[in-house]
Amino acid sequence: MSERNLEEEQPAAPKCTPNYDTSDPLQQEVTRILRGFKNDILGITFLGNDGVLRSLTADRKVLSAEGLSKPLLYENGHC
């Protein structure tokens, strides 16, 4: 099979369309925070009981951390 045939058979990559409201101010704040975070491919992003969102390495060293505002932590003013 020629290279041309292989290219023609491969489907186009799907577009990544957010399924959330990108105009929501709280979503914009979360997006801003996460864009600034350093990440470990084997690590995790963790929200602690103290309200701090942390990016951790696989061996749990903190790469990035930021305290979240009360509106992000509480829905409609409730826990």
PDB file of N, CA and C in Angstrom:
ATOM      1  N   MET A   1       0.851  -1.182   0.000  1.00  0.00           N
ATOM      2  CA  MET A   1       0.000   0.000   0.000  1.00  0.00           C
ATOM      3  C   MET A   1       0.892   1.239   0.000  1.00  0.00           C
ATOM      4  N   SER A   2       0.574   2.219  -0.799  1.00  0.00           N
ATOM      5  CA  SER A   2       1.408   3.414  -0.887  1.00  0.00           C
ATOM      6  C   SER A   2       1.131   4.360   0.284  1.00  0.00           C
ATOM      7  N   GLU A   3       2.069   5.310   0.488  1.00  0.00           N
ATOM      8  CA  GLU A   3       1.891   6.290   1.561  1.00  0.00           C
ATOM      9  C   GLU A   3       0.630   7.106   1.353  1.00  0.00           C
ATOM     10  N   ARG A   4       0.342   7.418   0.132  1.00  0.00           N
ATOM     11  CA  ARG A   4      -0.839   8.232  -0.178  1.00  0.00           C
ATOM     12  C   ARG A   4      -2.109   7.525   0.295  1.00  0.00           C
ATOM     13  N   ASN A   5      -2.221   6.220   0.061  1.00  0.00           N
ATOM     14  CA  ASN A   5      -3.397   5.472   0.490  1.00  0.00           C
ATOM     15  C   ASN A   5      -3.526   5.455   2.009  1.00  0.00           C
ATOM     16  N   LEU A   6      -2.412   5.330   2.714  1.00  0.00           N
ATOM     17  CA  LEU A   6      -2.449   5.335   4.176  1.00  0.00           C
ATOM     18  C   LEU A   6      -2.965   6.661   4.708  1.00  0.00           C
ATOM     19  N   GLU A   7      -2.511   7.766   4.123  1.00  0.00           N
ATOM     20  CA  GLU A   7      -2.951   9.086   4.546  1.00  0.00           C
ATOM     21  C   GLU A   7      -4.444   9.268   4.320  1.00  0.00           C
ATOM     22  N   GLU A   8      -4.928   8.773   3.207  1.00  0.00           N
ATOM     23  CA  GLU A   8      -6.334   8.933   2.876  1.00  0.00           C
ATOM     24  C   GLU A   8      -7.235   8.108   3.798  1.00  0.00           C
ATOM     25  N   GLU A   9      -6.740   6.983   4.297  1.00  0.00           N
ATOM     26  CA  GLU A   9      -7.547   6.101   5.130  1.00  0.00           C
ATOM     27  C   GLU A   9      -7.646   6.555   6.586  1.00  0.00           C
ATOM     28  N   GLN A  10      -6.700   7.363   7.042  1.00  0.00           N
ATOM     29  CA  GLN A  10      -6.709   7.777   8.440  1.00  0.00           C
ATOM     30  C   GLN A  10      -7.731   8.892   8.646  1.00  0.00           C
ATOM     31  N   PRO A  11      -8.610   8.717   9.624  1.00  0.00           N
ATOM     32  CA  PRO A  11      -9.609   9.753   9.882  1.00  0.00           C
ATOM     33  C   PRO A  11      -8.954  10.982  10.508  1.00  0.00           C
ATOM     34  N   ALA A  12      -9.593  12.112  10.329  1.00  0.00           N
ATOM     35  CA  ALA A  12      -9.098  13.346  10.933  1.00  0.00           C
ATOM     36  C   ALA A  12      -9.259  13.257  12.452  1.00  0.00           C
ATOM     37  N   ALA A  13      -8.347  13.886  13.167  1.00  0.00           N
ATOM     38  CA  ALA A  13      -8.424  13.901  14.634  1.00  0.00           C
ATOM     39  C   ALA A  13      -9.662  14.679  15.061  1.00  0.00           C
ATOM     40  N   PRO A  14     -10.380  14.178  16.072  1.00  0.00           N
ATOM     41  CA  PRO A  14     -11.573  14.887  16.517  1.00  0.00           C
ATOM     42  C   PRO A  14     -11.194  16.209  17.166  1.00  0.00           C
ATOM     43  N   LYS A  15     -12.063  17.190  17.025  1.00  0.00           N
ATOM     44  CA  LYS A  15     -11.828  18.496  17.651  1.00  0.00           C
ATOM     45  C   LYS A  15     -12.146  18.390  19.131  1.00  0.00           C
ATOM     46  N   CYS A  16     -11.344  19.057  19.925  1.00  0.00           N
ATOM     47  CA  CYS A  16     -11.562  19.065  21.365  1.00  0.00           C
ATOM     48  C   CYS A  16     -12.448  20.264  21.716  1.00  0.00           C
ATOM     49  N   THR A  17     -13.714  19.998  21.923  1.00  0.00           N
ATOM     50  CA  THR A  17     -14.657  21.045  22.256  1.00  0.00           C
ATOM     51  C   THR A  17     -15.048  20.922  23.722  1.00  0.00           C
ATOM     52  N   PRO A  18     -14.809  21.983  24.520  1.00  0.00           N
ATOM     53  CA  PRO A  18     -15.168  21.904  25.943  1.00  0.00           C
ATOM     54  C   PRO A  18     -16.659  21.648  26.113  1.00  0.00           C
ATOM     55  N   ASN A  19     -17.004  20.843  27.117  1.00  0.00           N
ATOM     56  CA  ASN A  19     -18.420  20.586  27.396  1.00  0.00           C
ATOM     57  C   ASN A  19     -18.839  21.324  28.664  1.00  0.00           C
ATOM     58  N   TYR A  20     -18.240  22.481  28.888  1.00  0.00           N
ATOM     59  CA  TYR A  20     -18.572  23.325  30.025  1.00  0.00           C
ATOM     60  C   TYR A  20     -18.639  24.767  29.545  1.00  0.00           C
ATOM     61  N   ASP A  21     -19.201  25.628  30.368  1.00  0.00           N
ATOM     62  CA  ASP A  21     -19.415  27.034  30.004  1.00  0.00           C
ATOM     63  C   ASP A  21     -18.115  27.811  30.183  1.00  0.00           C
ATOM     64  N   THR A  22     -17.427  28.080  29.084  1.00  0.00           N
ATOM     65  CA  THR A  22     -16.142  28.777  29.153  1.00  0.00           C
ATOM     66  C   THR A  22     -16.290  30.251  29.504  1.00  0.00           C
ATOM     67  N   SER A  23     -17.495  30.786  29.473  1.00  0.00           N
ATOM     68  CA  SER A  23     -17.704  32.190  29.836  1.00  0.00           C
ATOM     69  C   SER A  23     -17.985  32.366  31.326  1.00  0.00           C
ATOM     70  N   ASP A  24     -18.179  31.261  32.052  1.00  0.00           N
ATOM     71  CA  ASP A  24     -18.449  31.328  33.492  1.00  0.00           C
ATOM     72  C   ASP A  24     -17.186  31.805  34.221  1.00  0.00           C
ATOM     73  N   PRO A  25     -17.291  32.847  35.060  1.00  0.00           N
ATOM     74  CA  PRO A  25     -16.113  33.373  35.759  1.00  0.00           C
ATOM     75  C   PRO A  25     -15.411  32.340  36.643  1.00  0.00           C
ATOM     76  N   LEU A  26     -16.160  31.458  37.274  1.00  0.00           N
ATOM     77  CA  LEU A  26     -15.535  30.424  38.104  1.00  0.00           C
ATOM     78  C   LEU A  26     -14.756  29.432  37.247  1.00  0.00           C
ATOM     79  N   GLN A  27     -15.320  29.070  36.099  1.00  0.00           N
ATOM     80  CA  GLN A  27     -14.609  28.173  35.188  1.00  0.00           C
ATOM     81  C   GLN A  27     -13.345  28.843  34.667  1.00  0.00           C
ATOM     82  N   GLN A  28     -13.415  30.137  34.379  1.00  0.00           N
ATOM     83  CA  GLN A  28     -12.249  30.858  33.905  1.00  0.00           C
ATOM     84  C   GLN A  28     -11.152  30.880  34.967  1.00  0.00           C
ATOM     85  N   GLU A  29     -11.541  31.003  36.241  1.00  0.00           N
ATOM     86  CA  GLU A  29     -10.554  30.991  37.319  1.00  0.00           C
ATOM     87  C   GLU A  29      -9.883  29.621  37.427  1.00  0.00           C
ATOM     88  N   VAL A  30     -10.672  28.556  37.358  1.00  0.00           N
ATOM     89  CA  VAL A  30     -10.117  27.199  37.416  1.00  0.00           C
ATOM     90  C   VAL A  30      -9.176  26.967  36.225  1.00  0.00           C
ATOM     91  N   THR A  31      -9.579  27.377  35.051  1.00  0.00           N
ATOM     92  CA  THR A  31      -8.752  27.219  33.854  1.00  0.00           C
ATOM     93  C   THR A  31      -7.442  27.978  34.009  1.00  0.00           C
ATOM     94  N   ARG A  32      -7.499  29.208  34.532  1.00  0.00           N
ATOM     95  CA  ARG A  32      -6.292  30.004  34.742  1.00  0.00           C
ATOM     96  C   ARG A  32      -5.337  29.291  35.707  1.00  0.00           C
ATOM     97  N   ILE A  33      -5.884  28.771  36.793  1.00  0.00           N
ATOM     98  CA  ILE A  33      -5.062  28.078  37.786  1.00  0.00           C
ATOM     99  C   ILE A  33      -4.392  26.857  37.169  1.00  0.00           C
ATOM    100  N   LEU A  34      -5.172  26.020  36.494  1.00  0.00           N
ATOM    101  CA  LEU A  34      -4.642  24.779  35.940  1.00  0.00           C
ATOM    102  C   LEU A  34      -3.636  25.021  34.817  1.00  0.00           C
ATOM    103  N   ARG A  35      -3.821  26.076  34.047  1.00  0.00           N
ATOM    104  CA  ARG A  35      -2.852  26.387  32.982  1.00  0.00           C
ATOM    105  C   ARG A  35      -1.483  26.729  33.552  1.00  0.00           C
ATOM    106  N   GLY A  36      -1.473  27.333  34.736  1.00  0.00           N
ATOM    107  CA  GLY A  36      -0.221  27.722  35.355  1.00  0.00           C
ATOM    108  C   GLY A  36       0.472  26.613  36.130  1.00  0.00           C
ATOM    109  N   PHE A  37      -0.206  25.501  36.311  1.00  0.00           N
ATOM    110  CA  PHE A  37       0.340  24.399  37.097  1.00  0.00           C
ATOM    111  C   PHE A  37       1.391  23.621  36.317  1.00  0.00           C
ATOM    112  N   LYS A  38       2.442  23.207  37.022  1.00  0.00           N
ATOM    113  CA  LYS A  38       3.397  22.245  36.481  1.00  0.00           C
ATOM    114  C   LYS A  38       2.791  20.868  36.717  1.00  0.00           C
ATOM    115  N   ASN A  39       3.054  19.946  35.812  1.00  0.00           N
ATOM    116  CA  ASN A  39       2.467  18.607  35.926  1.00  0.00           C
ATOM    117  C   ASN A  39       3.506  17.525  35.717  1.00  0.00           C
ATOM    118  N   ASP A  40       3.301  16.424  36.397  1.00  0.00           N
ATOM    119  CA  ASP A  40       4.087  15.208  36.220  1.00  0.00           C
ATOM    120  C   ASP A  40       3.174  14.228  35.499  1.00  0.00           C
ATOM    121  N   ILE A  41       3.636  13.651  34.417  1.00  0.00           N
ATOM    122  CA  ILE A  41       2.799  12.743  33.630  1.00  0.00           C
ATOM    123  C   ILE A  41       2.265  11.576  34.475  1.00  0.00           C
ATOM    124  N   LEU A  42       2.987  11.181  35.507  1.00  0.00           N
ATOM    125  CA  LEU A  42       2.530  10.101  36.387  1.00  0.00           C
ATOM    126  C   LEU A  42       1.943  10.627  37.692  1.00  0.00           C
ATOM    127  N   GLY A  43       1.876  11.938  37.824  1.00  0.00           N
ATOM    128  CA  GLY A  43       1.385  12.540  39.063  1.00  0.00           C
ATOM    129  C   GLY A  43      -0.116  12.740  39.070  1.00  0.00           C
ATOM    130  N   ILE A  44      -0.569  13.511  40.061  1.00  0.00           N
ATOM    131  CA  ILE A  44      -1.994  13.777  40.210  1.00  0.00           C
ATOM    132  C   ILE A  44      -2.214  15.250  40.529  1.00  0.00           C
ATOM    133  N   THR A  45      -3.440  15.704  40.325  1.00  0.00           N
ATOM    134  CA  THR A  45      -3.883  17.008  40.799  1.00  0.00           C
ATOM    135  C   THR A  45      -4.872  16.707  41.909  1.00  0.00           C
ATOM    136  N   PHE A  46      -4.671  17.344  43.064  1.00  0.00           N
ATOM    137  CA  PHE A  46      -5.392  16.976  44.271  1.00  0.00           C
ATOM    138  C   PHE A  46      -5.920  18.215  44.976  1.00  0.00           C
ATOM    139  N   LEU A  47      -7.192  18.189  45.375  1.00  0.00           N
ATOM    140  CA  LEU A  47      -7.783  19.254  46.177  1.00  0.00           C
ATOM    141  C   LEU A  47      -7.839  18.774  47.614  1.00  0.00           C
ATOM    142  N   GLY A  48      -7.051  19.412  48.473  1.00  0.00           N
ATOM    143  CA  GLY A  48      -6.992  19.017  49.873  1.00  0.00           C
ATOM    144  C   GLY A  48      -8.143  19.570  50.694  1.00  0.00           C
ATOM    145  N   ASN A  49      -8.322  19.033  51.889  1.00  0.00           N
ATOM    146  CA  ASN A  49      -9.360  19.508  52.804  1.00  0.00           C
ATOM    147  C   ASN A  49      -9.139  20.958  53.217  1.00  0.00           C
ATOM    148  N   ASP A  50      -7.922  21.451  53.031  1.00  0.00           N
ATOM    149  CA  ASP A  50      -7.595  22.833  53.374  1.00  0.00           C
ATOM    150  C   ASP A  50      -7.954  23.814  52.264  1.00  0.00           C
ATOM    151  N   GLY A  51      -8.535  23.338  51.160  1.00  0.00           N
ATOM    152  CA  GLY A  51      -8.944  24.211  50.067  1.00  0.00           C
ATOM    153  C   GLY A  51      -7.821  24.561  49.113  1.00  0.00           C
ATOM    154  N   VAL A  52      -6.703  23.850  49.195  1.00  0.00           N
ATOM    155  CA  VAL A  52      -5.568  24.111  48.315  1.00  0.00           C
ATOM    156  C   VAL A  52      -5.523  23.033  47.229  1.00  0.00           C
ATOM    157  N   LEU A  53      -5.489  23.497  45.986  1.00  0.00           N
ATOM    158  CA  LEU A  53      -5.351  22.604  44.844  1.00  0.00           C
ATOM    159  C   LEU A  53      -3.864  22.414  44.594  1.00  0.00           C
ATOM    160  N   ARG A  54      -3.426  21.167  44.517  1.00  0.00           N
ATOM    161  CA  ARG A  54      -2.009  20.866  44.369  1.00  0.00           C
ATOM    162  C   ARG A  54      -1.771  19.930  43.190  1.00  0.00           C
ATOM    163  N   SER A  55      -0.664  20.162  42.511  1.00  0.00           N
ATOM    164  CA  SER A  55      -0.175  19.248  41.490  1.00  0.00           C
ATOM    165  C   SER A  55       0.988  18.503  42.129  1.00  0.00           C
ATOM    166  N   LEU A  56       0.901  17.170  42.133  1.00  0.00           N
ATOM    167  CA  LEU A  56       1.891  16.343  42.806  1.00  0.00           C
ATOM    168  C   LEU A  56       2.584  15.416  41.815  1.00  0.00           C
ATOM    169  N   THR A  57       3.858  15.109  42.097  1.00  0.00           N
ATOM    170  CA  THR A  57       4.571  14.128  41.299  1.00  0.00           C
ATOM    171  C   THR A  57       4.088  12.735  41.688  1.00  0.00           C
ATOM    172  N   ALA A  58       4.577  11.738  40.977  1.00  0.00           N
ATOM    173  CA  ALA A  58       4.204  10.353  41.277  1.00  0.00           C
ATOM    174  C   ALA A  58       4.609   9.968  42.694  1.00  0.00           C
ATOM    175  N   ASP A  59       5.705  10.544  43.197  1.00  0.00           N
ATOM    176  CA  ASP A  59       6.123  10.246  44.572  1.00  0.00           C
ATOM    177  C   ASP A  59       5.637  11.308  45.562  1.00  0.00           C
ATOM    178  N   ARG A  60       4.636  12.063  45.154  1.00  0.00           N
ATOM    179  CA  ARG A  60       3.875  13.011  45.983  1.00  0.00           C
ATOM    180  C   ARG A  60       4.637  14.254  46.436  1.00  0.00           C
ATOM    181  N   LYS A  61       5.589  14.690  45.633  1.00  0.00           N
ATOM    182  CA  LYS A  61       6.232  15.982  45.876  1.00  0.00           C
ATOM    183  C   LYS A  61       5.370  17.045  45.208  1.00  0.00           C
ATOM    184  N   VAL A  62       5.212  18.188  45.859  1.00  0.00           N
ATOM    185  CA  VAL A  62       4.364  19.253  45.337  1.00  0.00           C
ATOM    186  C   VAL A  62       5.100  20.014  44.235  1.00  0.00           C
ATOM    187  N   LEU A  63       4.473  20.095  43.065  1.00  0.00           N
ATOM    188  CA  LEU A  63       5.009  20.868  41.949  1.00  0.00           C
ATOM    189  C   LEU A  63       4.400  22.261  41.913  1.00  0.00           C
ATOM    190  N   SER A  64       3.090  22.336  42.158  1.00  0.00           N
ATOM    191  CA  SER A  64       2.353  23.594  42.135  1.00  0.00           C
ATOM    192  C   SER A  64       1.248  23.520  43.169  1.00  0.00           C
ATOM    193  N   ALA A  65       0.889  24.682  43.693  1.00  0.00           N
ATOM    194  CA  ALA A  65      -0.213  24.732  44.661  1.00  0.00           C
ATOM    195  C   ALA A  65      -0.843  26.116  44.635  1.00  0.00           C
ATOM    196  N   GLU A  66      -2.162  26.152  44.812  1.00  0.00           N
ATOM    197  CA  GLU A  66      -2.871  27.423  44.899  1.00  0.00           C
ATOM    198  C   GLU A  66      -4.147  27.229  45.712  1.00  0.00           C
ATOM    199  N   GLY A  67      -4.354  28.124  46.655  1.00  0.00           N
ATOM    200  CA  GLY A  67      -5.583  28.110  47.438  1.00  0.00           C
ATOM    201  C   GLY A  67      -6.750  28.570  46.579  1.00  0.00           C
ATOM    202  N   LEU A  68      -7.864  27.878  46.690  1.00  0.00           N
ATOM    203  CA  LEU A  68      -9.046  28.228  45.903  1.00  0.00           C
ATOM    204  C   LEU A  68      -9.924  29.205  46.675  1.00  0.00           C
ATOM    205  N   SER A  69     -10.586  30.067  45.934  1.00  0.00           N
ATOM    206  CA  SER A  69     -11.492  31.039  46.546  1.00  0.00           C
ATOM    207  C   SER A  69     -12.743  30.322  47.062  1.00  0.00           C
ATOM    208  N   LYS A  70     -13.429  30.939  48.003  1.00  0.00           N
ATOM    209  CA  LYS A  70     -14.636  30.322  48.570  1.00  0.00           C
ATOM    210  C   LYS A  70     -15.688  29.983  47.516  1.00  0.00           C
ATOM    211  N   PRO A  71     -15.932  30.845  46.518  1.00  0.00           N
ATOM    212  CA  PRO A  71     -16.923  30.459  45.497  1.00  0.00           C
ATOM    213  C   PRO A  71     -16.572  29.168  44.767  1.00  0.00           C
ATOM    214  N   LEU A  72     -15.274  28.893  44.601  1.00  0.00           N
ATOM    215  CA  LEU A  72     -14.876  27.647  43.954  1.00  0.00           C
ATOM    216  C   LEU A  72     -15.036  26.451  44.880  1.00  0.00           C
ATOM    217  N   LEU A  73     -14.940  26.685  46.170  1.00  0.00           N
ATOM    218  CA  LEU A  73     -15.016  25.591  47.134  1.00  0.00           C
ATOM    219  C   LEU A  73     -16.440  25.248  47.556  1.00  0.00           C
ATOM    220  N   TYR A  74     -17.318  26.238  47.508  1.00  0.00           N
ATOM    221  CA  TYR A  74     -18.675  26.033  48.014  1.00  0.00           C
ATOM    222  C   TYR A  74     -19.695  26.333  46.925  1.00  0.00           C
ATOM    223  N   GLU A  75     -20.604  25.420  46.740  1.00  0.00           N
ATOM    224  CA  GLU A  75     -21.670  25.599  45.763  1.00  0.00           C
ATOM    225  C   GLU A  75     -22.842  26.303  46.435  1.00  0.00           C
ATOM    226  N   ASN A  76     -23.251  27.457  45.907  1.00  0.00           N
ATOM    227  CA  ASN A  76     -24.366  28.245  46.446  1.00  0.00           C
ATOM    228  C   ASN A  76     -24.180  28.568  47.936  1.00  0.00           C
ATOM    229  N   GLY A  77     -22.943  28.752  48.363  1.00  0.00           N
ATOM    230  CA  GLY A  77     -22.684  29.128  49.742  1.00  0.00           C
ATOM    231  C   GLY A  77     -22.754  27.973  50.724  1.00  0.00           C
ATOM    232  N   HIS A  78     -22.871  26.738  50.240  1.00  0.00           N
ATOM    233  CA  HIS A  78     -22.950  25.558  51.095  1.00  0.00           C
ATOM    234  C   HIS A  78     -21.732  24.673  50.886  1.00  0.00           C
ATOM    235  N   CYS A  79     -21.425  23.852  51.884  1.00  0.00           N
ATOM    236  CA  CYS A  79     -20.328  22.876  51.746  1.00  0.00           C
ATOM    237  C   CYS A  79     -20.764  21.752  50.833  1.00  0.00           C
TER     238      CYS A  79
END
